[in-house]
Amino acid sequence: MAPWIIQIALVAMSILTETTEGKKDTVLYCSACRAIVDELNYSISQIDPKKTIHVGGFRLNPDGSLTDKKVPLARSEANLSELLDGVCGSMSDYALHVDPDTKIKQYKRFAPRSSDAGDFPDFNNFKFDGPEGSNALKFVCESIVEEFEDYIISLFAKETDHVVDKLCNEVSDHCKGTKFQSDEL
């Protein structure tokens, strides 16, 4: 009789574990995706547009010429890869923001950048969770970067408009169905 009860218990536990999956926080994931795009756009804008980098192979063509071309440094794959490695470090500058009118929650940047010296947001609408909140945002940022690194690099290398919509709505589906405005981040 005891083996029969153990088998029933194992079957019940397996059914319960299959049906209880962790639901991801859409506000956290969407905000992290949008923050990645915002931080990369800012970093790219800080690079001198006149700087270029040589790309191409170091192999000679049959006619003896070398295939080499110059591309802008800001949107080169090498630079984008380097920027992407450090993009999640700035997630500690973000906190949960609740819009007082619409009550929409999203993580927004509260710390001004060096070029935004006098542009401070209204801190009354931010909810500071301490290091736990920024650690969660950083973890989600790192997981998005890890999962979509190649796509993010190719998207930023080619596109300049609608990167947020393509990455966060179409590719990752993290912001699909949310009410965030493109200019609010």
N, C-alpha and C. Protein backbone atom coordinates (compact mmCIF):
# COMPACT_ATOMS: atom_id res chain seq x y z
N MET A 1 0.81 -1.18 0.00
CA MET A 1 0.00 0.00 0.00
C MET A 1 0.86 1.26 0.00
N ALA A 2 1.98 1.29 0.68
CA ALA A 2 2.84 2.46 0.77
C ALA A 2 3.42 2.86 -0.59
N PRO A 3 3.87 1.90 -1.45
CA PRO A 3 4.38 2.31 -2.76
C PRO A 3 3.32 3.00 -3.62
N TRP A 4 2.09 2.59 -3.47
CA TRP A 4 1.01 3.18 -4.25
C TRP A 4 0.80 4.65 -3.86
N ILE A 5 0.88 4.97 -2.59
CA ILE A 5 0.71 6.35 -2.10
C ILE A 5 1.88 7.21 -2.57
N ILE A 6 3.06 6.64 -2.57
CA ILE A 6 4.24 7.39 -3.03
C ILE A 6 4.12 7.71 -4.51
N GLN A 7 3.64 6.76 -5.31
CA GLN A 7 3.47 7.01 -6.74
C GLN A 7 2.44 8.10 -6.99
N ILE A 8 1.34 8.08 -6.26
CA ILE A 8 0.31 9.12 -6.41
C ILE A 8 0.90 10.48 -6.03
N ALA A 9 1.66 10.53 -4.96
CA ALA A 9 2.26 11.79 -4.52
C ALA A 9 3.24 12.32 -5.56
N LEU A 10 4.04 11.44 -6.17
CA LEU A 10 4.98 11.86 -7.20
C LEU A 10 4.27 12.39 -8.43
N VAL A 11 3.19 11.74 -8.84
CA VAL A 11 2.42 12.20 -10.00
C VAL A 11 1.80 13.56 -9.70
N ALA A 12 1.25 13.75 -8.52
CA ALA A 12 0.64 15.02 -8.14
C ALA A 12 1.69 16.13 -8.10
N MET A 13 2.87 15.83 -7.57
CA MET A 13 3.93 16.83 -7.52
C MET A 13 4.41 17.20 -8.91
N SER A 14 4.50 16.23 -9.81
CA SER A 14 4.96 16.54 -11.16
C SER A 14 3.93 17.40 -11.90
N ILE A 15 2.66 17.17 -11.67
CA ILE A 15 1.63 18.00 -12.30
C ILE A 15 1.68 19.42 -11.76
N LEU A 16 1.84 19.55 -10.47
CA LEU A 16 1.89 20.88 -9.86
C LEU A 16 3.12 21.66 -10.29
N THR A 17 4.26 21.01 -10.42
CA THR A 17 5.48 21.73 -10.81
C THR A 17 5.42 22.16 -12.27
N GLU A 18 4.72 21.42 -13.11
CA GLU A 18 4.60 21.81 -14.51
C GLU A 18 3.68 23.00 -14.69
N THR A 19 2.67 23.14 -13.83
CA THR A 19 1.70 24.21 -14.00
C THR A 19 2.11 25.50 -13.30
N THR A 20 3.07 25.46 -12.40
CA THR A 20 3.48 26.67 -11.70
C THR A 20 4.79 27.17 -12.28
N GLU A 21 4.69 28.05 -13.26
CA GLU A 21 5.87 28.67 -13.85
C GLU A 21 5.95 30.09 -13.34
N GLY A 22 7.16 30.58 -13.21
CA GLY A 22 7.34 31.95 -12.77
C GLY A 22 6.91 32.92 -13.85
N LYS A 23 6.11 33.89 -13.49
CA LYS A 23 5.68 34.90 -14.44
C LYS A 23 6.65 36.06 -14.36
N LYS A 24 7.15 36.50 -15.52
CA LYS A 24 8.11 37.59 -15.49
C LYS A 24 7.39 38.93 -15.37
N ASP A 25 8.05 39.83 -14.70
CA ASP A 25 7.54 41.17 -14.46
C ASP A 25 7.66 41.98 -15.75
N THR A 26 6.54 42.26 -16.40
CA THR A 26 6.58 42.95 -17.70
C THR A 26 7.10 44.38 -17.56
N VAL A 27 6.80 45.05 -16.47
CA VAL A 27 7.32 46.41 -16.26
C VAL A 27 8.83 46.38 -16.18
N LEU A 28 9.37 45.44 -15.44
CA LEU A 28 10.81 45.32 -15.27
C LEU A 28 11.50 44.99 -16.60
N TYR A 29 10.99 43.99 -17.32
CA TYR A 29 11.61 43.58 -18.57
C TYR A 29 11.50 44.65 -19.65
N CYS A 30 10.34 45.27 -19.76
CA CYS A 30 10.15 46.31 -20.77
C CYS A 30 11.03 47.52 -20.45
N SER A 31 11.07 47.91 -19.20
CA SER A 31 11.89 49.05 -18.80
C SER A 31 13.37 48.78 -19.03
N ALA A 32 13.82 47.57 -18.74
CA ALA A 32 15.22 47.22 -18.96
C ALA A 32 15.56 47.27 -20.45
N CYS A 33 14.68 46.76 -21.27
CA CYS A 33 14.90 46.79 -22.72
C CYS A 33 14.99 48.23 -23.21
N ARG A 34 14.07 49.06 -22.77
CA ARG A 34 14.05 50.46 -23.19
C ARG A 34 15.28 51.21 -22.64
N ALA A 35 15.71 50.86 -21.43
CA ALA A 35 16.89 51.50 -20.85
C ALA A 35 18.15 51.12 -21.63
N ILE A 36 18.23 49.90 -22.10
CA ILE A 36 19.38 49.48 -22.91
C ILE A 36 19.47 50.34 -24.16
N VAL A 37 18.35 50.52 -24.84
CA VAL A 37 18.34 51.34 -26.05
C VAL A 37 18.70 52.78 -25.72
N ASP A 38 18.15 53.32 -24.65
CA ASP A 38 18.43 54.70 -24.26
C ASP A 38 19.90 54.89 -23.93
N GLU A 39 20.47 53.99 -23.15
CA GLU A 39 21.87 54.10 -22.77
C GLU A 39 22.80 53.95 -23.97
N LEU A 40 22.49 53.02 -24.86
CA LEU A 40 23.32 52.86 -26.06
C LEU A 40 23.22 54.08 -26.97
N ASN A 41 22.02 54.61 -27.15
CA ASN A 41 21.87 55.82 -27.96
C ASN A 41 22.67 56.98 -27.37
N TYR A 42 22.63 57.13 -26.06
CA TYR A 42 23.39 58.20 -25.42
C TYR A 42 24.89 57.98 -25.62
N SER A 43 25.37 56.76 -25.40
CA SER A 43 26.79 56.47 -25.57
C SER A 43 27.25 56.71 -27.00
N ILE A 44 26.42 56.33 -27.95
CA ILE A 44 26.75 56.55 -29.36
C ILE A 44 26.81 58.05 -29.67
N SER A 45 25.89 58.81 -29.08
CA SER A 45 25.86 60.25 -29.34
C SER A 45 27.08 60.97 -28.77
N GLN A 46 27.78 60.38 -27.81
CA GLN A 46 28.94 61.00 -27.20
C GLN A 46 30.22 60.77 -28.00
N ILE A 47 30.16 59.95 -29.03
CA ILE A 47 31.34 59.65 -29.84
C ILE A 47 31.39 60.62 -31.02
N ASP A 48 32.57 61.14 -31.29
CA ASP A 48 32.77 62.08 -32.40
C ASP A 48 32.36 61.41 -33.72
N PRO A 49 31.39 62.00 -34.42
CA PRO A 49 30.92 61.38 -35.67
C PRO A 49 31.97 61.36 -36.77
N LYS A 50 33.03 62.13 -36.63
CA LYS A 50 34.08 62.15 -37.65
C LYS A 50 35.04 60.97 -37.53
N LYS A 51 35.07 60.33 -36.37
CA LYS A 51 35.98 59.22 -36.16
C LYS A 51 35.50 58.01 -36.96
N THR A 52 36.45 57.36 -37.60
CA THR A 52 36.14 56.16 -38.39
C THR A 52 37.06 55.03 -37.97
N ILE A 53 36.69 53.84 -38.39
CA ILE A 53 37.49 52.66 -38.10
C ILE A 53 37.58 51.84 -39.38
N HIS A 54 38.73 51.21 -39.58
CA HIS A 54 38.91 50.36 -40.74
C HIS A 54 38.31 48.99 -40.46
N VAL A 55 37.50 48.51 -41.37
CA VAL A 55 36.95 47.16 -41.26
C VAL A 55 37.22 46.43 -42.55
N GLY A 56 37.17 45.15 -42.47
CA GLY A 56 37.44 44.33 -43.65
C GLY A 56 38.49 43.31 -43.31
N GLY A 57 38.78 42.49 -44.28
CA GLY A 57 39.76 41.43 -44.06
C GLY A 57 41.16 41.90 -44.33
N PHE A 58 42.08 41.09 -43.91
CA PHE A 58 43.48 41.39 -44.17
C PHE A 58 44.03 40.47 -45.25
N ARG A 59 43.11 39.90 -46.01
CA ARG A 59 43.51 39.02 -47.11
C ARG A 59 43.59 39.82 -48.40
N LEU A 60 44.51 39.45 -49.22
CA LEU A 60 44.67 40.11 -50.50
C LEU A 60 43.70 39.53 -51.52
N ASN A 61 43.18 40.40 -52.35
CA ASN A 61 42.34 39.96 -53.46
C ASN A 61 43.24 39.39 -54.55
N PRO A 62 42.70 38.65 -55.50
CA PRO A 62 43.53 38.08 -56.57
C PRO A 62 44.31 39.13 -57.37
N ASP A 63 43.80 40.34 -57.44
CA ASP A 63 44.51 41.39 -58.18
C ASP A 63 45.56 42.09 -57.33
N GLY A 64 45.73 41.66 -56.07
CA GLY A 64 46.76 42.22 -55.20
C GLY A 64 46.27 43.36 -54.32
N SER A 65 45.00 43.73 -54.46
CA SER A 65 44.48 44.82 -53.63
C SER A 65 43.95 44.26 -52.31
N LEU A 66 43.80 45.15 -51.38
CA LEU A 66 43.32 44.78 -50.05
C LEU A 66 41.90 45.32 -49.87
N THR A 67 40.99 44.45 -49.44
CA THR A 67 39.63 44.89 -49.19
C THR A 67 39.58 45.57 -47.83
N ASP A 68 39.36 46.86 -47.87
CA ASP A 68 39.36 47.64 -46.63
C ASP A 68 38.40 48.80 -46.83
N LYS A 69 37.57 49.03 -45.82
CA LYS A 69 36.69 50.20 -45.91
C LYS A 69 36.61 50.84 -44.53
N LYS A 70 36.24 52.11 -44.54
CA LYS A 70 36.09 52.86 -43.31
C LYS A 70 34.61 52.98 -42.98
N VAL A 71 34.30 52.77 -41.72
CA VAL A 71 32.93 52.97 -41.24
C VAL A 71 33.00 53.89 -40.03
N PRO A 72 31.91 54.60 -39.74
CA PRO A 72 31.93 55.46 -38.55
C PRO A 72 32.16 54.62 -37.29
N LEU A 73 33.02 55.10 -36.42
CA LEU A 73 33.36 54.38 -35.20
C LEU A 73 32.14 54.15 -34.31
N ALA A 74 31.28 55.15 -34.22
CA ALA A 74 30.14 55.08 -33.30
C ALA A 74 29.25 53.88 -33.58
N ARG A 75 29.04 53.54 -34.82
CA ARG A 75 28.13 52.44 -35.15
C ARG A 75 28.86 51.21 -35.69
N SER A 76 30.15 51.11 -35.40
CA SER A 76 30.89 49.92 -35.82
C SER A 76 30.58 48.77 -34.87
N GLU A 77 30.67 47.57 -35.36
CA GLU A 77 30.36 46.40 -34.54
C GLU A 77 31.30 46.29 -33.34
N ALA A 78 32.56 46.64 -33.54
CA ALA A 78 33.53 46.57 -32.45
C ALA A 78 33.15 47.55 -31.33
N ASN A 79 32.81 48.77 -31.69
CA ASN A 79 32.44 49.77 -30.68
C ASN A 79 31.11 49.40 -30.02
N LEU A 80 30.14 48.95 -30.79
CA LEU A 80 28.85 48.57 -30.23
C LEU A 80 28.99 47.40 -29.25
N SER A 81 29.85 46.47 -29.58
CA SER A 81 30.08 45.34 -28.69
C SER A 81 30.70 45.81 -27.38
N GLU A 82 31.63 46.75 -27.47
CA GLU A 82 32.25 47.29 -26.26
C GLU A 82 31.24 48.08 -25.42
N LEU A 83 30.40 48.88 -26.07
CA LEU A 83 29.38 49.64 -25.35
C LEU A 83 28.36 48.70 -24.69
N LEU A 84 28.04 47.63 -25.39
CA LEU A 84 27.06 46.68 -24.87
C LEU A 84 27.57 45.96 -23.64
N ASP A 85 28.88 45.76 -23.57
CA ASP A 85 29.47 45.11 -22.39
C ASP A 85 29.26 45.92 -21.12
N GLY A 86 29.21 47.24 -21.24
CA GLY A 86 29.10 48.07 -20.05
C GLY A 86 27.74 48.73 -19.85
N VAL A 87 26.79 48.43 -20.73
CA VAL A 87 25.50 49.14 -20.68
C VAL A 87 24.71 48.83 -19.41
N CYS A 88 24.82 47.65 -18.88
CA CYS A 88 24.03 47.28 -17.69
C CYS A 88 24.58 47.88 -16.41
N GLY A 89 25.79 48.42 -16.45
CA GLY A 89 26.35 49.05 -15.27
C GLY A 89 25.63 50.34 -14.88
N SER A 90 24.92 50.93 -15.82
CA SER A 90 24.22 52.19 -15.53
C SER A 90 22.80 51.96 -15.02
N MET A 91 22.40 50.72 -14.80
CA MET A 91 21.04 50.45 -14.34
C MET A 91 20.81 50.91 -12.90
N SER A 92 21.89 51.21 -12.18
CA SER A 92 21.73 51.73 -10.82
C SER A 92 21.24 53.18 -10.84
N ASP A 93 21.24 53.81 -12.02
CA ASP A 93 20.73 55.17 -12.18
C ASP A 93 19.24 55.20 -12.48
N TYR A 94 18.59 54.05 -12.41
CA TYR A 94 17.16 53.94 -12.72
C TYR A 94 16.40 53.52 -11.47
N ALA A 95 15.15 53.96 -11.39
CA ALA A 95 14.28 53.57 -10.28
C ALA A 95 12.85 53.50 -10.82
N LEU A 96 12.00 52.84 -10.08
CA LEU A 96 10.61 52.69 -10.47
C LEU A 96 9.90 54.03 -10.37
N HIS A 97 9.27 54.43 -11.46
CA HIS A 97 8.56 55.70 -11.54
C HIS A 97 7.08 55.41 -11.75
N VAL A 98 6.24 56.06 -10.97
CA VAL A 98 4.79 55.92 -11.12
C VAL A 98 4.26 57.26 -11.58
N ASP A 99 3.68 57.28 -12.77
CA ASP A 99 3.13 58.51 -13.31
C ASP A 99 1.96 58.95 -12.43
N PRO A 100 1.96 60.19 -11.93
CA PRO A 100 0.89 60.60 -11.02
C PRO A 100 -0.48 60.69 -11.68
N ASP A 101 -0.53 60.91 -12.97
CA ASP A 101 -1.82 61.03 -13.66
C ASP A 101 -2.35 59.68 -14.13
N THR A 102 -1.51 58.93 -14.84
CA THR A 102 -1.97 57.68 -15.44
C THR A 102 -1.73 56.46 -14.57
N LYS A 103 -0.90 56.61 -13.54
CA LYS A 103 -0.52 55.51 -12.64
C LYS A 103 0.25 54.40 -13.35
N ILE A 104 0.83 54.71 -14.50
CA ILE A 104 1.64 53.74 -15.24
C ILE A 104 3.00 53.64 -14.57
N LYS A 105 3.43 52.41 -14.32
CA LYS A 105 4.73 52.16 -13.68
C LYS A 105 5.76 51.81 -14.75
N GLN A 106 6.94 52.37 -14.59
CA GLN A 106 8.07 52.01 -15.43
C GLN A 106 9.35 52.47 -14.74
N TYR A 107 10.44 51.81 -15.05
CA TYR A 107 11.72 52.23 -14.52
C TYR A 107 12.24 53.35 -15.41
N LYS A 108 12.62 54.46 -14.78
CA LYS A 108 13.13 55.61 -15.51
C LYS A 108 14.44 56.05 -14.88
N ARG A 109 15.20 56.74 -15.67
CA ARG A 109 16.48 57.27 -15.20
C ARG A 109 16.21 58.46 -14.29
N PHE A 110 16.75 58.43 -13.08
CA PHE A 110 16.58 59.54 -12.16
C PHE A 110 17.87 60.34 -12.02
N ALA A 111 18.99 59.74 -12.32
CA ALA A 111 20.28 60.42 -12.18
C ALA A 111 20.61 61.15 -13.47
N PRO A 112 20.88 62.44 -13.38
CA PRO A 112 21.22 63.18 -14.61
C PRO A 112 22.59 62.77 -15.11
N ARG A 113 22.74 62.83 -16.41
CA ARG A 113 24.04 62.57 -17.02
C ARG A 113 24.88 63.84 -16.93
N SER A 114 26.14 63.74 -17.25
CA SER A 114 27.03 64.90 -17.12
C SER A 114 26.58 66.05 -18.01
N SER A 115 25.98 65.76 -19.15
CA SER A 115 25.52 66.83 -20.04
C SER A 115 24.17 67.40 -19.60
N ASP A 116 23.45 66.70 -18.71
CA ASP A 116 22.14 67.14 -18.23
C ASP A 116 22.26 67.73 -16.82
N ALA A 117 23.26 68.53 -16.57
CA ALA A 117 23.58 68.96 -15.21
C ALA A 117 22.40 69.57 -14.46
N GLY A 118 21.56 70.36 -15.09
CA GLY A 118 20.49 71.02 -14.37
C GLY A 118 19.13 70.36 -14.55
N ASP A 119 19.07 69.23 -15.22
CA ASP A 119 17.80 68.60 -15.55
C ASP A 119 17.48 67.48 -14.55
N PHE A 120 16.94 67.85 -13.38
CA PHE A 120 16.60 66.87 -12.36
C PHE A 120 15.12 66.52 -12.45
N PRO A 121 14.79 65.24 -12.38
CA PRO A 121 13.38 64.85 -12.40
C PRO A 121 12.72 65.10 -11.03
N ASP A 122 11.41 65.00 -11.01
CA ASP A 122 10.66 65.14 -9.76
C ASP A 122 10.76 63.81 -9.01
N PHE A 123 11.47 63.82 -7.89
CA PHE A 123 11.72 62.58 -7.14
C PHE A 123 10.49 62.09 -6.38
N ASN A 124 9.45 62.88 -6.28
CA ASN A 124 8.25 62.45 -5.55
C ASN A 124 7.57 61.25 -6.18
N ASN A 125 7.74 61.08 -7.49
CA ASN A 125 7.07 60.00 -8.20
C ASN A 125 7.93 58.75 -8.34
N PHE A 126 9.14 58.77 -7.81
CA PHE A 126 10.02 57.61 -7.87
C PHE A 126 9.88 56.79 -6.61
N LYS A 127 9.96 55.48 -6.76
CA LYS A 127 9.96 54.57 -5.62
C LYS A 127 11.33 53.91 -5.59
N PHE A 128 12.14 54.31 -4.61
CA PHE A 128 13.49 53.78 -4.50
C PHE A 128 13.46 52.53 -3.62
N ASP A 129 13.81 51.40 -4.22
CA ASP A 129 13.80 50.12 -3.51
C ASP A 129 15.16 49.78 -2.95
N GLY A 130 16.08 50.69 -3.02
CA GLY A 130 17.43 50.40 -2.57
C GLY A 130 18.16 49.58 -3.62
N PRO A 131 19.21 48.91 -3.20
CA PRO A 131 20.00 48.14 -4.17
C PRO A 131 19.23 46.98 -4.79
N GLU A 132 18.21 46.47 -4.11
CA GLU A 132 17.46 45.32 -4.65
C GLU A 132 16.78 45.67 -5.96
N GLY A 133 16.20 46.87 -6.05
CA GLY A 133 15.51 47.28 -7.27
C GLY A 133 16.47 47.42 -8.44
N SER A 134 17.59 48.08 -8.21
CA SER A 134 18.55 48.25 -9.31
C SER A 134 19.26 46.94 -9.64
N ASN A 135 19.43 46.07 -8.66
CA ASN A 135 20.03 44.76 -8.94
C ASN A 135 19.11 43.93 -9.82
N ALA A 136 17.81 44.00 -9.58
CA ALA A 136 16.86 43.26 -10.41
C ALA A 136 16.88 43.81 -11.83
N LEU A 137 16.91 45.13 -11.96
CA LEU A 137 16.96 45.75 -13.29
C LEU A 137 18.26 45.39 -14.00
N LYS A 138 19.36 45.38 -13.27
CA LYS A 138 20.65 45.02 -13.86
C LYS A 138 20.66 43.56 -14.30
N PHE A 139 20.09 42.68 -13.49
CA PHE A 139 20.02 41.27 -13.85
C PHE A 139 19.20 41.06 -15.12
N VAL A 140 18.06 41.73 -15.21
CA VAL A 140 17.21 41.61 -16.40
C VAL A 140 17.93 42.20 -17.61
N CYS A 141 18.62 43.32 -17.41
CA CYS A 141 19.39 43.94 -18.49
C CYS A 141 20.44 42.96 -19.02
N GLU A 142 21.17 42.33 -18.11
CA GLU A 142 22.20 41.38 -18.54
C GLU A 142 21.60 40.18 -19.26
N SER A 143 20.45 39.72 -18.83
CA SER A 143 19.83 38.58 -19.51
C SER A 143 19.34 38.97 -20.90
N ILE A 144 18.82 40.19 -21.06
CA ILE A 144 18.39 40.65 -22.39
C ILE A 144 19.59 40.81 -23.30
N VAL A 145 20.66 41.41 -22.79
CA VAL A 145 21.87 41.60 -23.60
C VAL A 145 22.44 40.25 -24.01
N GLU A 146 22.46 39.31 -23.09
CA GLU A 146 22.99 37.98 -23.41
C GLU A 146 22.15 37.28 -24.48
N GLU A 147 20.85 37.39 -24.35
CA GLU A 147 19.96 36.69 -25.28
C GLU A 147 19.93 37.34 -26.67
N PHE A 148 19.99 38.67 -26.73
CA PHE A 148 19.80 39.37 -28.00
C PHE A 148 21.02 40.17 -28.45
N GLU A 149 22.21 39.82 -27.96
CA GLU A 149 23.41 40.60 -28.24
C GLU A 149 23.66 40.79 -29.74
N ASP A 150 23.62 39.72 -30.50
CA ASP A 150 23.89 39.83 -31.94
C ASP A 150 22.85 40.70 -32.63
N TYR A 151 21.61 40.55 -32.25
CA TYR A 151 20.56 41.34 -32.88
C TYR A 151 20.68 42.81 -32.49
N ILE A 152 21.01 43.10 -31.24
CA ILE A 152 21.17 44.48 -30.79
C ILE A 152 22.30 45.15 -31.57
N ILE A 153 23.41 44.46 -31.73
CA ILE A 153 24.55 45.02 -32.47
C ILE A 153 24.18 45.28 -33.91
N SER A 154 23.54 44.31 -34.56
CA SER A 154 23.19 44.51 -35.97
C SER A 154 22.13 45.59 -36.13
N LEU A 155 21.22 45.69 -35.18
CA LEU A 155 20.18 46.71 -35.25
C LEU A 155 20.78 48.11 -35.09
N PHE A 156 21.68 48.30 -34.13
CA PHE A 156 22.29 49.61 -33.94
C PHE A 156 23.29 49.94 -35.04
N ALA A 157 23.89 48.95 -35.67
CA ALA A 157 24.83 49.20 -36.75
C ALA A 157 24.11 49.70 -38.00
N LYS A 158 22.87 49.28 -38.19
CA LYS A 158 22.14 49.64 -39.41
C LYS A 158 21.08 50.71 -39.18
N GLU A 159 20.38 50.63 -38.08
CA GLU A 159 19.22 51.48 -37.84
C GLU A 159 19.57 52.66 -36.94
N THR A 160 18.86 53.75 -37.14
CA THR A 160 18.96 54.87 -36.22
C THR A 160 17.59 55.26 -35.69
N ASP A 161 16.54 54.90 -36.40
CA ASP A 161 15.17 55.24 -35.99
C ASP A 161 14.42 53.99 -35.56
N HIS A 162 13.55 54.15 -34.61
CA HIS A 162 12.63 53.11 -34.17
C HIS A 162 13.33 51.87 -33.61
N VAL A 163 14.51 52.04 -33.04
CA VAL A 163 15.24 50.91 -32.47
C VAL A 163 14.49 50.35 -31.27
N VAL A 164 13.93 51.23 -30.43
CA VAL A 164 13.17 50.79 -29.26
C VAL A 164 12.00 49.91 -29.69
N ASP A 165 11.26 50.35 -30.68
CA ASP A 165 10.10 49.57 -31.12
C ASP A 165 10.51 48.22 -31.70
N LYS A 166 11.55 48.21 -32.50
CA LYS A 166 11.97 46.96 -33.13
C LYS A 166 12.52 45.97 -32.11
N LEU A 167 13.36 46.46 -31.20
CA LEU A 167 13.97 45.56 -30.23
C LEU A 167 12.99 45.13 -29.15
N CYS A 168 12.30 46.07 -28.57
CA CYS A 168 11.48 45.77 -27.38
C CYS A 168 10.09 45.27 -27.72
N ASN A 169 9.54 45.62 -28.87
CA ASN A 169 8.20 45.17 -29.24
C ASN A 169 8.24 43.98 -30.18
N GLU A 170 9.04 44.07 -31.23
CA GLU A 170 9.01 43.04 -32.27
C GLU A 170 9.91 41.85 -31.96
N VAL A 171 11.15 42.11 -31.56
CA VAL A 171 12.11 41.02 -31.38
C VAL A 171 11.93 40.31 -30.04
N SER A 172 11.98 41.08 -28.96
CA SER A 172 11.95 40.44 -27.64
C SER A 172 10.55 40.28 -27.08
N ASP A 173 9.59 41.03 -27.58
CA ASP A 173 8.20 41.02 -27.09
C ASP A 173 8.08 41.44 -25.63
N HIS A 174 9.09 42.12 -25.10
CA HIS A 174 9.03 42.54 -23.69
C HIS A 174 8.07 43.71 -23.48
N CYS A 175 7.84 44.51 -24.49
CA CYS A 175 6.97 45.69 -24.34
C CYS A 175 5.67 45.56 -25.12
N LYS A 176 5.42 44.41 -25.65
CA LYS A 176 4.20 44.22 -26.42
C LYS A 176 3.00 44.39 -25.50
N GLY A 177 2.10 45.28 -25.86
CA GLY A 177 0.89 45.49 -25.09
C GLY A 177 1.03 46.45 -23.93
N THR A 178 2.21 47.07 -23.76
CA THR A 178 2.36 48.05 -22.67
C THR A 178 1.99 49.43 -23.17
N LYS A 179 1.83 50.34 -22.24
CA LYS A 179 1.38 51.70 -22.57
C LYS A 179 2.49 52.72 -22.50
N PHE A 180 3.75 52.28 -22.67
CA PHE A 180 4.86 53.23 -22.60
C PHE A 180 4.89 54.07 -23.87
N GLN A 181 5.26 55.30 -23.70
CA GLN A 181 5.42 56.20 -24.83
C GLN A 181 6.89 56.18 -25.23
N SER A 182 7.18 56.26 -26.51
CA SER A 182 8.55 56.18 -26.99
C SER A 182 9.42 57.31 -26.49
N ASP A 183 8.85 58.49 -26.25
CA ASP A 183 9.67 59.62 -25.85
C ASP A 183 9.79 59.76 -24.33
N GLU A 184 9.15 58.90 -23.55
CA GLU A 184 9.16 59.06 -22.11
C GLU A 184 10.42 58.58 -21.43
N LEU A 185 11.22 57.76 -22.05
CA LEU A 185 12.40 57.22 -21.39
C LEU A 185 13.48 58.23 -21.46
